[in-house]
């Protein structure tokens, strides 16, 4: 085999290896992505079907109900509400009226089954997307109240 053919074969093998490695990395990253949506977006049908995603908002006052280790509660952005079911131990900062982000899947009945619950870490923090959704919902309610 001539030198230029050897070099061409080595370059082709290197490019093929690089392509396969890139495809594997992108596939792994894609399978670990959890999109963030608000309860209003879930109600509008913008939530991913059959995949894991995150919902953020406030835990509705008076909505926490416990059955042994299973906890049922409602996440709201003040415009829409999503019922959530979680089996496990909740974070210490998880409370009614406080911000939370839950990760899991939406079942066909519209109930969100969470596999992870994250509570906000101090009294002033809320995820930016959740704060934006709450602000939009409040503006929409104010606009409807002004029309009446």
C-alpha atoms as a PDB file:
ATOM      1  CA  UNK A   1       0.000   0.000   0.000  1.00  0.00           C
ATOM      2  CA  UNK A   2       1.329   3.431  -0.870  1.00  0.00           C
ATOM      3  CA  UNK A   3       1.881   6.183   1.695  1.00  0.00           C
ATOM      4  CA  UNK A   4      -0.971   8.378   0.448  1.00  0.00           C
ATOM      5  CA  UNK A   5      -3.384   5.436   0.647  1.00  0.00           C
ATOM      6  CA  UNK A   6      -2.241   4.662   4.206  1.00  0.00           C
ATOM      7  CA  UNK A   7      -2.741   8.279   5.222  1.00  0.00           C
ATOM      8  CA  UNK A   8      -6.187   8.346   3.603  1.00  0.00           C
ATOM      9  CA  UNK A   9      -7.200   5.157   5.418  1.00  0.00           C
ATOM     10  CA  UNK A  10      -5.961   6.536   8.754  1.00  0.00           C
ATOM     11  CA  UNK A  11      -7.822   9.829   8.230  1.00  0.00           C
ATOM     12  CA  UNK A  12     -11.029   8.001   7.219  1.00  0.00           C
ATOM     13  CA  UNK A  13     -10.792   5.729  10.280  1.00  0.00           C
ATOM     14  CA  UNK A  14     -10.204   8.751  12.526  1.00  0.00           C
ATOM     15  CA  UNK A  15     -13.189  10.603  11.089  1.00  0.00           C
ATOM     16  CA  UNK A  16     -15.375   7.522  11.470  1.00  0.00           C
ATOM     17  CA  UNK A  17     -14.276   7.098  15.108  1.00  0.00           C
ATOM     18  CA  UNK A  18     -14.925  10.778  15.810  1.00  0.00           C
ATOM     19  CA  UNK A  19     -18.387  10.551  14.229  1.00  0.00           C
ATOM     20  CA  UNK A  20     -19.370   7.476  16.259  1.00  0.00           C
ATOM     21  CA  UNK A  21     -18.085   9.040  19.502  1.00  0.00           C
ATOM     22  CA  UNK A  22     -19.987  12.278  18.792  1.00  0.00           C
ATOM     23  CA  UNK A  23     -23.198  10.369  18.088  1.00  0.00           C
ATOM     24  CA  UNK A  24     -22.885   8.432  21.353  1.00  0.00           C
ATOM     25  CA  UNK A  25     -22.239  11.597  23.389  1.00  0.00           C
ATOM     26  CA  UNK A  26     -25.158  13.457  21.803  1.00  0.00           C
ATOM     27  CA  UNK A  27     -27.472  10.489  22.389  1.00  0.00           C
ATOM     28  CA  UNK A  28     -26.453  10.322  26.070  1.00  0.00           C
ATOM     29  CA  UNK A  29     -26.984  14.069  26.522  1.00  0.00           C
ATOM     30  CA  UNK A  30     -30.360  13.978  24.784  1.00  0.00           C
ATOM     31  CA  UNK A  31     -31.633  11.162  27.000  1.00  0.00           C
ATOM     32  CA  UNK A  32     -30.694  13.088  30.170  1.00  0.00           C
ATOM     33  CA  UNK A  33     -32.357  16.391  29.264  1.00  0.00           C
ATOM     34  CA  UNK A  34     -35.389  17.331  31.361  1.00  0.00           C
ATOM     35  CA  UNK A  35     -37.302  20.258  29.866  1.00  0.00           C
ATOM     36  CA  UNK A  36     -38.779  22.854  32.220  1.00  0.00           C
ATOM     37  CA  UNK A  37     -42.423  23.847  31.735  1.00  0.00           C
ATOM     38  CA  UNK A  38     -44.995  25.745  33.758  1.00  0.00           C
ATOM     39  CA  UNK A  39     -48.435  24.449  34.780  1.00  0.00           C
ATOM     40  CA  UNK A  40     -50.022  26.757  32.173  1.00  0.00           C
ATOM     41  CA  UNK A  41     -47.873  25.221  29.439  1.00  0.00           C
ATOM     42  CA  UNK A  42     -48.816  21.713  30.607  1.00  0.00           C
ATOM     43  CA  UNK A  43     -52.510  22.647  30.502  1.00  0.00           C
ATOM     44  CA  UNK A  44     -52.027  24.048  26.983  1.00  0.00           C
ATOM     45  CA  UNK A  45     -50.582  20.706  25.837  1.00  0.00           C
ATOM     46  CA  UNK A  46     -47.020  21.971  25.382  1.00  0.00           C
ATOM     47  CA  UNK A  47     -45.538  19.360  27.743  1.00  0.00           C
ATOM     48  CA  UNK A  48     -43.483  16.557  26.211  1.00  0.00           C
ATOM     49  CA  UNK A  49     -45.388  13.284  25.897  1.00  0.00           C
ATOM     50  CA  UNK A  50     -43.914  10.042  27.241  1.00  0.00           C
ATOM     51  CA  UNK A  51     -40.722  11.699  28.512  1.00  0.00           C
ATOM     52  CA  UNK A  52     -39.384  13.160  31.734  1.00  0.00           C
ATOM     53  CA  UNK A  53     -39.726  16.913  32.246  1.00  0.00           C
ATOM     54  CA  UNK A  54     -39.873  19.449  35.071  1.00  0.00           C
ATOM     55  CA  UNK A  55     -42.755  21.554  36.322  1.00  0.00           C
ATOM     56  CA  UNK A  56     -42.077  24.593  38.466  1.00  0.00           C
ATOM     57  CA  UNK A  57     -44.347  26.809  40.486  1.00  0.00           C
ATOM     58  CA  UNK A  58     -45.818  27.264  43.929  1.00  0.00           C
ATOM     59  CA  UNK A  59     -47.184  24.491  46.144  1.00  0.00           C
ATOM     60  CA  UNK A  60     -50.874  25.356  46.557  1.00  0.00           C
ATOM     61  CA  UNK A  61     -51.990  26.161  50.102  1.00  0.00           C
ATOM     62  CA  UNK A  62     -53.919  23.300  51.693  1.00  0.00           C
ATOM     63  CA  UNK A  63     -53.091  20.822  48.935  1.00  0.00           C
ATOM     64  CA  UNK A  64     -50.563  18.555  50.665  1.00  0.00           C
ATOM     65  CA  UNK A  65     -52.017  15.143  51.527  1.00  0.00           C
ATOM     66  CA  UNK A  66     -49.918  12.192  52.744  1.00  0.00           C
ATOM     67  CA  UNK A  67     -50.499   8.427  52.354  1.00  0.00           C
ATOM     68  CA  UNK A  68     -47.540   6.811  54.149  1.00  0.00           C
ATOM     69  CA  UNK A  69     -44.557   7.742  51.937  1.00  0.00           C
ATOM     70  CA  UNK A  70     -46.714   8.925  49.020  1.00  0.00           C
ATOM     71  CA  UNK A  71     -47.405  12.634  49.027  1.00  0.00           C
ATOM     72  CA  UNK A  72     -50.102  14.275  46.890  1.00  0.00           C
ATOM     73  CA  UNK A  73     -49.994  18.029  46.296  1.00  0.00           C
ATOM     74  CA  UNK A  74     -50.778  20.650  43.668  1.00  0.00           C
ATOM     75  CA  UNK A  75     -48.253  22.844  41.841  1.00  0.00           C
ATOM     76  CA  UNK A  76     -49.652  26.118  40.499  1.00  0.00           C
ATOM     77  CA  UNK A  77     -48.503  29.217  38.666  1.00  0.00           C
ATOM     78  CA  UNK A  78     -51.660  31.001  39.925  1.00  0.00           C
ATOM     79  CA  UNK A  79     -53.335  30.495  36.531  1.00  0.00           C
ATOM     80  CA  UNK A  80     -53.312  26.691  36.226  1.00  0.00           C
ATOM     81  CA  UNK A  81     -52.867  23.818  38.642  1.00  0.00           C
ATOM     82  CA  UNK A  82     -51.248  20.404  38.168  1.00  0.00           C
ATOM     83  CA  UNK A  83     -51.841  17.567  40.681  1.00  0.00           C
ATOM     84  CA  UNK A  84     -48.592  15.844  41.643  1.00  0.00           C
ATOM     85  CA  UNK A  85     -47.922  12.479  43.257  1.00  0.00           C
ATOM     86  CA  UNK A  86     -44.514  11.729  44.785  1.00  0.00           C
ATOM     87  CA  UNK A  87     -43.316   8.693  46.694  1.00  0.00           C
ATOM     88  CA  UNK A  88     -40.307   9.344  48.865  1.00  0.00           C
ATOM     89  CA  UNK A  89     -38.920  11.748  51.404  1.00  0.00           C
ATOM     90  CA  UNK A  90     -39.494  15.431  50.693  1.00  0.00           C
ATOM     91  CA  UNK A  91     -36.828  18.103  51.161  1.00  0.00           C
ATOM     92  CA  UNK A  92     -36.893  19.971  54.482  1.00  0.00           C
ATOM     93  CA  UNK A  93     -37.757  23.272  52.783  1.00  0.00           C
ATOM     94  CA  UNK A  94     -40.813  21.836  50.972  1.00  0.00           C
ATOM     95  CA  UNK A  95     -43.905  23.680  52.282  1.00  0.00           C
ATOM     96  CA  UNK A  96     -47.277  24.960  51.142  1.00  0.00           C
ATOM     97  CA  UNK A  97     -47.142  28.376  49.532  1.00  0.00           C
ATOM     98  CA  UNK A  98     -43.452  27.991  48.659  1.00  0.00           C
ATOM     99  CA  UNK A  99     -41.733  27.394  45.331  1.00  0.00           C
ATOM    100  CA  UNK A 100     -40.913  23.910  44.114  1.00  0.00           C
ATOM    101  CA  UNK A 101     -39.687  22.168  40.992  1.00  0.00           C
ATOM    102  CA  UNK A 102     -40.798  18.582  40.391  1.00  0.00           C
ATOM    103  CA  UNK A 103     -39.360  16.203  37.817  1.00  0.00           C
ATOM    104  CA  UNK A 104     -41.257  13.243  36.425  1.00  0.00           C
ATOM    105  CA  UNK A 105     -43.871  12.181  33.868  1.00  0.00           C
ATOM    106  CA  UNK A 106     -47.448  13.162  33.111  1.00  0.00           C
ATOM    107  CA  UNK A 107     -49.851  10.215  33.025  1.00  0.00           C
ATOM    108  CA  UNK A 108     -52.833  10.058  30.620  1.00  0.00           C
ATOM    109  CA  UNK A 109     -55.250  11.196  33.361  1.00  0.00           C
ATOM    110  CA  UNK A 110     -53.355  14.487  33.781  1.00  0.00           C
ATOM    111  CA  UNK A 111     -51.679  13.644  37.087  1.00  0.00           C
ATOM    112  CA  UNK A 112     -47.951  14.254  37.304  1.00  0.00           C
ATOM    113  CA  UNK A 113     -45.950  11.411  38.875  1.00  0.00           C
ATOM    114  CA  UNK A 114     -42.740  12.889  40.236  1.00  0.00           C
ATOM    115  CA  UNK A 115     -39.498  11.039  40.781  1.00  0.00           C
ATOM    116  CA  UNK A 116     -37.707  14.083  42.220  1.00  0.00           C
ATOM    117  CA  UNK A 117     -38.857  17.118  44.190  1.00  0.00           C
ATOM    118  CA  UNK A 118     -36.688  20.193  44.600  1.00  0.00           C
ATOM    119  CA  UNK A 119     -37.614  22.932  47.056  1.00  0.00           C
ATOM    120  CA  UNK A 120     -36.389  26.484  46.853  1.00  0.00           C
ATOM    121  CA  UNK A 121     -33.376  27.182  48.996  1.00  0.00           C
ATOM    122  CA  UNK A 122     -34.250  30.473  50.650  1.00  0.00           C
ATOM    123  CA  UNK A 123     -37.253  32.692  51.199  1.00  0.00           C
ATOM    124  CA  UNK A 124     -36.586  35.022  48.256  1.00  0.00           C
ATOM    125  CA  UNK A 125     -35.549  32.581  45.531  1.00  0.00           C
ATOM    126  CA  UNK A 126     -37.757  31.267  42.740  1.00  0.00           C
ATOM    127  CA  UNK A 127     -36.535  29.822  39.435  1.00  0.00           C
ATOM    128  CA  UNK A 128     -36.578  32.606  36.804  1.00  0.00           C
ATOM    129  CA  UNK A 129     -38.946  30.731  34.507  1.00  0.00           C
ATOM    130  CA  UNK A 130     -41.345  30.047  37.384  1.00  0.00           C
ATOM    131  CA  UNK A 131     -41.217  33.695  38.483  1.00  0.00           C
ATOM    132  CA  UNK A 132     -41.930  34.794  34.907  1.00  0.00           C
ATOM    133  CA  UNK A 133     -44.916  32.410  34.686  1.00  0.00           C
ATOM    134  CA  UNK A 134     -46.314  33.646  38.012  1.00  0.00           C
ATOM    135  CA  UNK A 135     -45.911  37.276  36.899  1.00  0.00           C
ATOM    136  CA  UNK A 136     -47.675  36.567  33.578  1.00  0.00           C
ATOM    137  CA  UNK A 137     -50.535  34.780  35.332  1.00  0.00           C
ATOM    138  CA  UNK A 138     -50.993  37.675  37.750  1.00  0.00           C
ATOM    139  CA  UNK A 139     -51.024  40.170  34.870  1.00  0.00           C
ATOM    140  CA  UNK A 140     -53.622  38.062  33.050  1.00  0.00           C
ATOM    141  CA  UNK A 141     -55.807  37.897  36.179  1.00  0.00           C
ATOM    142  CA  UNK A 142     -55.464  41.660  36.686  1.00  0.00           C
ATOM    143  CA  UNK A 143     -56.453  42.265  33.056  1.00  0.00           C
ATOM    144  CA  UNK A 144     -59.524  40.032  33.431  1.00  0.00           C
ATOM    145  CA  UNK A 145     -60.451  41.792  36.676  1.00  0.00           C
ATOM    146  CA  UNK A 146     -60.160  45.183  34.965  1.00  0.00           C
ATOM    147  CA  UNK A 147     -62.524  44.079  32.171  1.00  0.00           C
ATOM    148  CA  UNK A 148     -65.303  43.189  34.634  1.00  0.00           C
END
